[in-house]
Amino acid sequence: MEKTDFIELLHFLHILCWQALGKVANPVSGRPERNLQFAKRLIDILETLQVKTRGNLEEDEKRMLEDILADLRLNYVDELNKQEKRETEGKSQTADTGDGQKTQGENKEGS
């Protein structure tokens, strides 16, 4: 594998993961689409590449892979925290008041 092929592979996986994180728009739909499970899988693949290529990369390739992984890990945790916060807020907005009515802030059908 040529050096440019490896760098292109890293770049491709990096961009694909950014799309899965919802940080950039899907080129087909034109909209950001978040899929954190897929993003985590891509990060795992890059980590596997890092392990399997250890000792076989040139310094710039090694540094690029390390930088990509650091970037994606931080952004993955950021998106995971945002998702958990949205889920927590969603639960508190739809909490039952005890008298069978929903709390304020919940979207009611037909509204």
N, C-alpha and C. Protein backbone atom coordinates (compact mmCIF):
# COMPACT_ATOMS: atom_id res chain seq x y z
N MET A 1 0.85 -1.18 0.00
CA MET A 1 0.00 0.00 0.00
C MET A 1 0.89 1.24 0.00
N GLU A 2 0.60 2.13 -0.88
CA GLU A 2 1.37 3.37 -0.94
C GLU A 2 0.99 4.30 0.20
N LYS A 3 1.90 5.19 0.51
CA LYS A 3 1.67 6.14 1.60
C LYS A 3 0.42 6.97 1.33
N THR A 4 0.24 7.42 0.10
CA THR A 4 -0.93 8.25 -0.20
C THR A 4 -2.22 7.46 -0.03
N ASP A 5 -2.20 6.16 -0.32
CA ASP A 5 -3.38 5.33 -0.13
C ASP A 5 -3.77 5.26 1.35
N PHE A 6 -2.78 5.09 2.22
CA PHE A 6 -3.05 5.02 3.66
C PHE A 6 -3.60 6.35 4.16
N ILE A 7 -3.01 7.43 3.73
CA ILE A 7 -3.48 8.76 4.16
C ILE A 7 -4.89 9.02 3.64
N GLU A 8 -5.17 8.61 2.41
CA GLU A 8 -6.53 8.77 1.87
C GLU A 8 -7.52 7.92 2.65
N LEU A 9 -7.13 6.71 3.05
CA LEU A 9 -7.99 5.86 3.86
C LEU A 9 -8.29 6.54 5.20
N LEU A 10 -7.28 7.08 5.85
CA LEU A 10 -7.48 7.79 7.11
C LEU A 10 -8.42 8.98 6.92
N HIS A 11 -8.19 9.73 5.86
CA HIS A 11 -9.02 10.90 5.58
C HIS A 11 -10.47 10.47 5.34
N PHE A 12 -10.66 9.43 4.56
CA PHE A 12 -12.00 8.92 4.28
C PHE A 12 -12.73 8.52 5.56
N LEU A 13 -12.06 7.74 6.41
CA LEU A 13 -12.67 7.30 7.66
C LEU A 13 -12.95 8.47 8.60
N HIS A 14 -12.06 9.46 8.59
CA HIS A 14 -12.23 10.65 9.41
C HIS A 14 -13.49 11.42 9.00
N ILE A 15 -13.63 11.67 7.71
CA ILE A 15 -14.79 12.40 7.20
C ILE A 15 -16.07 11.60 7.42
N LEU A 16 -16.02 10.31 7.19
CA LEU A 16 -17.19 9.46 7.39
C LEU A 16 -17.64 9.49 8.86
N CYS A 17 -16.69 9.50 9.76
CA CYS A 17 -17.01 9.58 11.18
C CYS A 17 -17.59 10.94 11.54
N TRP A 18 -17.05 12.01 10.96
CA TRP A 18 -17.61 13.35 11.19
C TRP A 18 -19.07 13.38 10.76
N GLN A 19 -19.38 12.73 9.63
CA GLN A 19 -20.77 12.67 9.18
C GLN A 19 -21.62 11.90 10.18
N ALA A 20 -21.11 10.77 10.67
CA ALA A 20 -21.85 9.96 11.64
C ALA A 20 -22.06 10.71 12.95
N LEU A 21 -21.15 11.60 13.29
CA LEU A 21 -21.29 12.41 14.49
C LEU A 21 -22.28 13.56 14.29
N GLY A 22 -22.70 13.77 13.04
CA GLY A 22 -23.62 14.86 12.74
C GLY A 22 -22.93 16.21 12.66
N LYS A 23 -21.60 16.20 12.55
CA LYS A 23 -20.83 17.45 12.51
C LYS A 23 -20.79 18.06 11.11
N VAL A 24 -20.95 17.23 10.10
CA VAL A 24 -21.00 17.71 8.71
C VAL A 24 -22.19 17.04 8.03
N ALA A 25 -22.68 17.69 7.01
CA ALA A 25 -23.85 17.20 6.30
C ALA A 25 -23.54 15.94 5.49
N ASN A 26 -24.52 15.07 5.43
CA ASN A 26 -24.45 13.93 4.54
C ASN A 26 -24.49 14.47 3.12
N PRO A 27 -23.55 14.09 2.26
CA PRO A 27 -23.53 14.66 0.91
C PRO A 27 -24.74 14.28 0.07
N VAL A 28 -25.42 13.21 0.40
CA VAL A 28 -26.59 12.78 -0.36
C VAL A 28 -27.82 13.58 0.04
N SER A 29 -28.06 13.67 1.36
CA SER A 29 -29.26 14.37 1.84
C SER A 29 -29.04 15.87 2.01
N GLY A 30 -27.78 16.26 2.18
CA GLY A 30 -27.49 17.67 2.41
C GLY A 30 -27.74 18.11 3.84
N ARG A 31 -28.08 17.15 4.72
CA ARG A 31 -28.37 17.47 6.12
C ARG A 31 -27.46 16.67 7.04
N PRO A 32 -27.16 17.23 8.21
CA PRO A 32 -26.42 16.43 9.20
C PRO A 32 -27.29 15.28 9.69
N GLU A 33 -26.70 14.11 9.79
CA GLU A 33 -27.43 12.93 10.27
C GLU A 33 -26.54 12.23 11.29
N ARG A 34 -26.96 12.22 12.54
CA ARG A 34 -26.16 11.64 13.61
C ARG A 34 -26.47 10.16 13.77
N ASN A 35 -25.40 9.36 13.84
CA ASN A 35 -25.51 7.93 14.13
C ASN A 35 -24.31 7.59 15.02
N LEU A 36 -24.49 7.74 16.32
CA LEU A 36 -23.38 7.58 17.24
C LEU A 36 -22.87 6.14 17.30
N GLN A 37 -23.74 5.19 17.07
CA GLN A 37 -23.31 3.79 17.06
C GLN A 37 -22.33 3.55 15.90
N PHE A 38 -22.64 4.09 14.73
CA PHE A 38 -21.74 3.96 13.58
C PHE A 38 -20.45 4.74 13.82
N ALA A 39 -20.55 5.93 14.41
CA ALA A 39 -19.35 6.72 14.71
C ALA A 39 -18.43 5.94 15.64
N LYS A 40 -18.99 5.31 16.67
CA LYS A 40 -18.17 4.52 17.59
C LYS A 40 -17.50 3.37 16.86
N ARG A 41 -18.22 2.73 15.95
CA ARG A 41 -17.64 1.63 15.18
C ARG A 41 -16.47 2.11 14.33
N LEU A 42 -16.61 3.28 13.72
CA LEU A 42 -15.52 3.84 12.90
C LEU A 42 -14.30 4.16 13.76
N ILE A 43 -14.52 4.68 14.95
CA ILE A 43 -13.42 4.96 15.87
C ILE A 43 -12.74 3.66 16.26
N ASP A 44 -13.52 2.62 16.51
CA ASP A 44 -12.96 1.31 16.82
C ASP A 44 -12.10 0.78 15.67
N ILE A 45 -12.56 0.99 14.45
CA ILE A 45 -11.80 0.55 13.27
C ILE A 45 -10.47 1.29 13.19
N LEU A 46 -10.51 2.60 13.42
CA LEU A 46 -9.27 3.38 13.40
C LEU A 46 -8.32 2.95 14.52
N GLU A 47 -8.86 2.61 15.67
CA GLU A 47 -8.02 2.11 16.76
C GLU A 47 -7.38 0.77 16.39
N THR A 48 -8.13 -0.08 15.70
CA THR A 48 -7.59 -1.36 15.23
C THR A 48 -6.47 -1.12 14.22
N LEU A 49 -6.68 -0.17 13.32
CA LEU A 49 -5.62 0.18 12.36
C LEU A 49 -4.37 0.65 13.09
N GLN A 50 -4.57 1.43 14.13
CA GLN A 50 -3.43 1.94 14.90
C GLN A 50 -2.64 0.79 15.52
N VAL A 51 -3.35 -0.16 16.09
CA VAL A 51 -2.69 -1.31 16.73
C VAL A 51 -2.00 -2.18 15.68
N LYS A 52 -2.68 -2.47 14.60
CA LYS A 52 -2.16 -3.39 13.59
C LYS A 52 -1.01 -2.80 12.77
N THR A 53 -0.92 -1.47 12.72
CA THR A 53 0.15 -0.84 11.94
C THR A 53 1.29 -0.33 12.81
N ARG A 54 1.18 -0.53 14.13
CA ARG A 54 2.22 -0.05 15.05
C ARG A 54 3.60 -0.54 14.60
N GLY A 55 4.52 0.39 14.48
CA GLY A 55 5.88 0.08 14.06
C GLY A 55 6.08 0.06 12.56
N ASN A 56 5.00 0.21 11.80
CA ASN A 56 5.09 0.15 10.33
C ASN A 56 4.75 1.48 9.65
N LEU A 57 4.46 2.49 10.43
CA LEU A 57 4.06 3.77 9.85
C LEU A 57 5.22 4.76 9.90
N GLU A 58 5.22 5.64 8.91
CA GLU A 58 6.17 6.75 8.96
C GLU A 58 5.66 7.73 10.02
N GLU A 59 6.52 8.57 10.50
CA GLU A 59 6.18 9.46 11.61
C GLU A 59 4.97 10.34 11.30
N ASP A 60 4.87 10.88 10.08
CA ASP A 60 3.73 11.74 9.75
C ASP A 60 2.43 10.95 9.68
N GLU A 61 2.48 9.70 9.23
CA GLU A 61 1.29 8.86 9.20
C GLU A 61 0.84 8.52 10.62
N LYS A 62 1.79 8.20 11.46
CA LYS A 62 1.50 7.87 12.85
C LYS A 62 0.87 9.06 13.56
N ARG A 63 1.46 10.24 13.36
CA ARG A 63 0.95 11.46 13.99
C ARG A 63 -0.46 11.79 13.47
N MET A 64 -0.67 11.60 12.17
CA MET A 64 -1.98 11.88 11.60
C MET A 64 -3.04 10.96 12.20
N LEU A 65 -2.74 9.69 12.32
CA LEU A 65 -3.67 8.73 12.91
C LEU A 65 -3.95 9.07 14.37
N GLU A 66 -2.93 9.43 15.12
CA GLU A 66 -3.12 9.82 16.52
C GLU A 66 -4.00 11.06 16.63
N ASP A 67 -3.74 12.06 15.77
CA ASP A 67 -4.52 13.30 15.80
C ASP A 67 -5.98 13.05 15.44
N ILE A 68 -6.21 12.22 14.42
CA ILE A 68 -7.58 11.90 14.00
C ILE A 68 -8.32 11.20 15.14
N LEU A 69 -7.67 10.23 15.76
CA LEU A 69 -8.32 9.52 16.85
C LEU A 69 -8.63 10.43 18.03
N ALA A 70 -7.70 11.29 18.38
CA ALA A 70 -7.94 12.23 19.49
C ALA A 70 -9.12 13.14 19.16
N ASP A 71 -9.16 13.67 17.94
CA ASP A 71 -10.24 14.54 17.50
C ASP A 71 -11.59 13.82 17.55
N LEU A 72 -11.64 12.62 17.01
CA LEU A 72 -12.90 11.89 16.94
C LEU A 72 -13.37 11.45 18.32
N ARG A 73 -12.45 11.03 19.16
CA ARG A 73 -12.84 10.61 20.52
C ARG A 73 -13.47 11.77 21.29
N LEU A 74 -12.84 12.94 21.21
CA LEU A 74 -13.37 14.12 21.91
C LEU A 74 -14.75 14.49 21.39
N ASN A 75 -14.90 14.49 20.08
CA ASN A 75 -16.18 14.86 19.49
C ASN A 75 -17.25 13.81 19.73
N TYR A 76 -16.86 12.54 19.79
CA TYR A 76 -17.81 11.48 20.10
C TYR A 76 -18.35 11.67 21.52
N VAL A 77 -17.47 11.91 22.47
CA VAL A 77 -17.90 12.12 23.86
C VAL A 77 -18.79 13.35 23.95
N ASP A 78 -18.44 14.41 23.22
CA ASP A 78 -19.26 15.62 23.20
C ASP A 78 -20.67 15.32 22.70
N GLU A 79 -20.78 14.60 21.60
CA GLU A 79 -22.09 14.26 21.04
C GLU A 79 -22.85 13.31 21.94
N LEU A 80 -22.16 12.38 22.57
CA LEU A 80 -22.79 11.45 23.50
C LEU A 80 -23.38 12.21 24.69
N ASN A 81 -22.62 13.17 25.21
CA ASN A 81 -23.10 13.99 26.33
C ASN A 81 -24.32 14.82 25.92
N LYS A 82 -24.30 15.37 24.70
CA LYS A 82 -25.44 16.14 24.20
C LYS A 82 -26.67 15.26 24.09
N GLN A 83 -26.49 14.04 23.59
CA GLN A 83 -27.61 13.11 23.45
C GLN A 83 -28.19 12.75 24.81
N GLU A 84 -27.33 12.45 25.77
CA GLU A 84 -27.79 12.10 27.11
C GLU A 84 -28.54 13.28 27.75
N LYS A 85 -28.06 14.48 27.52
CA LYS A 85 -28.71 15.67 28.07
C LYS A 85 -30.09 15.85 27.45
N ARG A 86 -30.19 15.66 26.12
CA ARG A 86 -31.49 15.78 25.45
C ARG A 86 -32.46 14.73 25.96
N GLU A 87 -31.97 13.50 26.15
CA GLU A 87 -32.83 12.43 26.65
C GLU A 87 -33.30 12.73 28.06
N THR A 88 -32.42 13.25 28.90
CA THR A 88 -32.78 13.59 30.28
C THR A 88 -33.80 14.72 30.29
N GLU A 89 -33.58 15.74 29.46
CA GLU A 89 -34.53 16.86 29.40
C GLU A 89 -35.86 16.40 28.84
N GLY A 90 -35.83 15.50 27.89
CA GLY A 90 -37.07 14.98 27.31
C GLY A 90 -37.90 14.23 28.32
N LYS A 91 -37.23 13.46 29.18
CA LYS A 91 -37.94 12.72 30.21
C LYS A 91 -38.56 13.66 31.23
N SER A 92 -37.84 14.72 31.59
CA SER A 92 -38.37 15.65 32.59
C SER A 92 -39.53 16.46 32.02
N GLN A 93 -39.54 16.70 30.72
CA GLN A 93 -40.62 17.46 30.10
C GLN A 93 -41.88 16.64 29.94
N THR A 94 -41.74 15.30 29.89
CA THR A 94 -42.91 14.46 29.70
C THR A 94 -43.29 13.72 30.97
N ALA A 95 -42.75 14.16 32.10
CA ALA A 95 -43.05 13.49 33.37
C ALA A 95 -44.54 13.65 33.71
N ASP A 96 -45.09 12.62 34.27
CA ASP A 96 -46.50 12.64 34.67
C ASP A 96 -46.63 13.46 35.95
N THR A 97 -47.66 14.29 36.04
CA THR A 97 -47.86 15.15 37.20
C THR A 97 -48.57 14.43 38.34
N GLY A 98 -48.99 13.19 38.11
CA GLY A 98 -49.66 12.44 39.16
C GLY A 98 -51.16 12.45 39.00
N ASP A 99 -51.71 13.40 38.25
CA ASP A 99 -53.16 13.44 38.06
C ASP A 99 -53.55 13.04 36.64
N GLY A 100 -52.60 12.34 35.97
CA GLY A 100 -52.90 11.85 34.63
C GLY A 100 -52.60 12.86 33.54
N GLN A 101 -52.21 14.07 33.92
CA GLN A 101 -51.88 15.07 32.92
C GLN A 101 -50.38 15.16 32.77
N LYS A 102 -49.96 15.56 31.60
CA LYS A 102 -48.53 15.72 31.32
C LYS A 102 -48.10 17.11 31.74
N THR A 103 -46.80 17.24 32.02
CA THR A 103 -46.28 18.55 32.41
C THR A 103 -46.23 19.47 31.20
N GLN A 104 -46.10 20.72 31.48
CA GLN A 104 -46.00 21.72 30.45
C GLN A 104 -44.74 21.48 29.63
N GLY A 105 -44.76 21.76 28.35
CA GLY A 105 -43.60 21.61 27.51
C GLY A 105 -43.68 20.39 26.63
N GLU A 106 -44.60 19.47 26.92
CA GLU A 106 -44.74 18.31 26.07
C GLU A 106 -45.61 18.67 24.88
N ASN A 107 -45.22 18.20 23.73
CA ASN A 107 -46.05 18.41 22.55
C ASN A 107 -47.26 17.52 22.64
N LYS A 108 -48.45 18.09 22.55
CA LYS A 108 -49.68 17.33 22.60
C LYS A 108 -50.12 17.02 21.18
N GLU A 109 -50.74 15.86 21.00
CA GLU A 109 -51.23 15.51 19.67
C GLU A 109 -52.26 16.52 19.21
N GLY A 110 -52.19 16.83 17.92
CA GLY A 110 -53.16 17.74 17.35
C GLY A 110 -52.80 19.20 17.54
N SER A 111 -51.74 19.50 18.24
CA SER A 111 -51.36 20.90 18.46
C SER A 111 -50.51 21.39 17.34
